[in-house]
Amino acid sequence: MGILGWIIFGALAGLIASLITGRNERQGCLMNIIVGIIGASLGGWIMSLFGGSGVTGFNLPSFLVAVLGAVVLLAIVNFIFGRR
């Protein structure tokens, strides 16, 4: 994917993950993009530990992996910094 694809993919994954974890009202669009991109990398790494494939393009399985990684990332952030 190109840089624009990663930005759109990250924004969508970050938005869904922030809605799941209840952090949506505290993070803006830029933070959703950052969380989504880092979450996609984290989700790909987690999936590789279990023998699955990570983010392979803009498709549903890759999107679910990215959302899973972003939810894990936000759960770790919530654990470290607490819910405010």
Protein backbone atom coordinates (compact mmCIF):
# COMPACT_ATOMS: atom_id res chain seq x y z
CA MET A 1 0.00 0.00 0.00
CA GLY A 2 1.07 3.54 -0.60
CA ILE A 3 1.31 6.20 2.07
CA LEU A 4 -2.22 7.45 1.38
CA GLY A 5 -3.55 3.91 1.71
CA TRP A 6 -1.82 3.50 5.07
CA ILE A 7 -3.27 6.80 6.29
CA ILE A 8 -6.83 5.85 5.31
CA PHE A 9 -6.41 2.29 6.62
CA GLY A 10 -4.93 3.58 9.88
CA ALA A 11 -7.65 6.17 10.34
CA LEU A 12 -10.41 3.58 9.94
CA ALA A 13 -8.73 0.98 12.15
CA GLY A 14 -7.90 3.58 14.82
CA LEU A 15 -11.45 4.93 14.80
CA ILE A 16 -13.01 1.49 15.24
CA ALA A 17 -10.51 0.57 17.97
CA SER A 18 -11.12 3.83 19.84
CA LEU A 19 -14.87 3.22 19.69
CA ILE A 20 -14.39 -0.31 21.06
CA THR A 21 -12.16 0.84 23.93
CA GLY A 22 -14.16 3.98 24.74
CA ARG A 23 -11.36 6.46 23.98
CA ASN A 24 -12.97 8.09 20.94
CA GLU A 25 -13.96 11.32 22.67
CA ARG A 26 -10.37 11.94 23.80
CA GLN A 27 -8.45 11.36 20.61
CA GLY A 28 -8.71 13.17 17.34
CA CYS A 29 -8.22 12.17 13.74
CA LEU A 30 -4.42 12.34 13.82
CA MET A 31 -4.27 10.13 16.89
CA ASN A 32 -6.65 7.64 15.23
CA ILE A 33 -4.30 7.45 12.24
CA ILE A 34 -1.24 6.92 14.44
CA VAL A 35 -2.99 4.31 16.60
CA GLY A 36 -4.29 2.53 13.50
CA ILE A 37 -0.91 2.36 11.77
CA ILE A 38 0.94 1.23 14.90
CA GLY A 39 -1.93 -1.14 15.65
CA ALA A 40 -1.65 -2.67 12.18
CA SER A 41 2.03 -3.34 12.78
CA LEU A 42 1.34 -4.73 16.25
CA GLY A 43 -1.53 -6.87 14.96
CA GLY A 44 0.67 -8.23 12.16
CA TRP A 45 3.34 -9.12 14.67
CA ILE A 46 0.81 -10.84 16.96
CA MET A 47 -0.61 -12.80 14.02
CA SER A 48 2.87 -13.89 12.93
CA LEU A 49 3.43 -15.36 16.40
CA PHE A 50 0.41 -17.61 15.83
CA GLY A 51 1.39 -18.54 12.27
CA GLY A 52 -1.14 -16.30 10.54
CA SER A 53 -0.60 -13.58 8.01
CA GLY A 54 -0.50 -9.95 8.99
CA VAL A 55 -1.58 -6.90 7.04
CA THR A 56 -1.34 -7.84 3.36
CA GLY A 57 -3.29 -5.01 1.76
CA PHE A 58 -6.58 -3.18 2.02
CA ASN A 59 -8.91 -6.15 2.63
CA LEU A 60 -11.18 -7.41 5.41
CA PRO A 61 -8.76 -9.88 7.09
CA SER A 62 -6.03 -7.23 7.17
CA PHE A 63 -8.48 -4.68 8.53
CA LEU A 64 -9.51 -7.04 11.33
CA VAL A 65 -5.83 -7.66 12.18
CA ALA A 66 -5.22 -3.89 12.26
CA VAL A 67 -8.24 -3.29 14.51
CA LEU A 68 -7.12 -6.13 16.82
CA GLY A 69 -3.65 -4.60 17.09
CA ALA A 70 -5.06 -1.12 17.70
CA VAL A 71 -7.38 -2.43 20.44
CA VAL A 72 -4.41 -4.16 22.10
CA LEU A 73 -2.38 -0.96 21.82
CA LEU A 74 -5.15 1.15 23.38
CA ALA A 75 -5.69 -1.43 26.13
CA ILE A 76 -1.98 -1.20 26.99
CA VAL A 77 -2.18 2.62 26.99
CA ASN A 78 -5.27 2.48 29.24
CA PHE A 79 -3.46 0.11 31.60
CA ILE A 80 -0.30 2.24 31.81
CA PHE A 81 -1.87 5.70 32.00
CA GLY A 82 -5.25 4.80 33.45
CA ARG A 83 -8.63 5.93 32.28
CA ARG A 84 -9.14 9.63 32.85
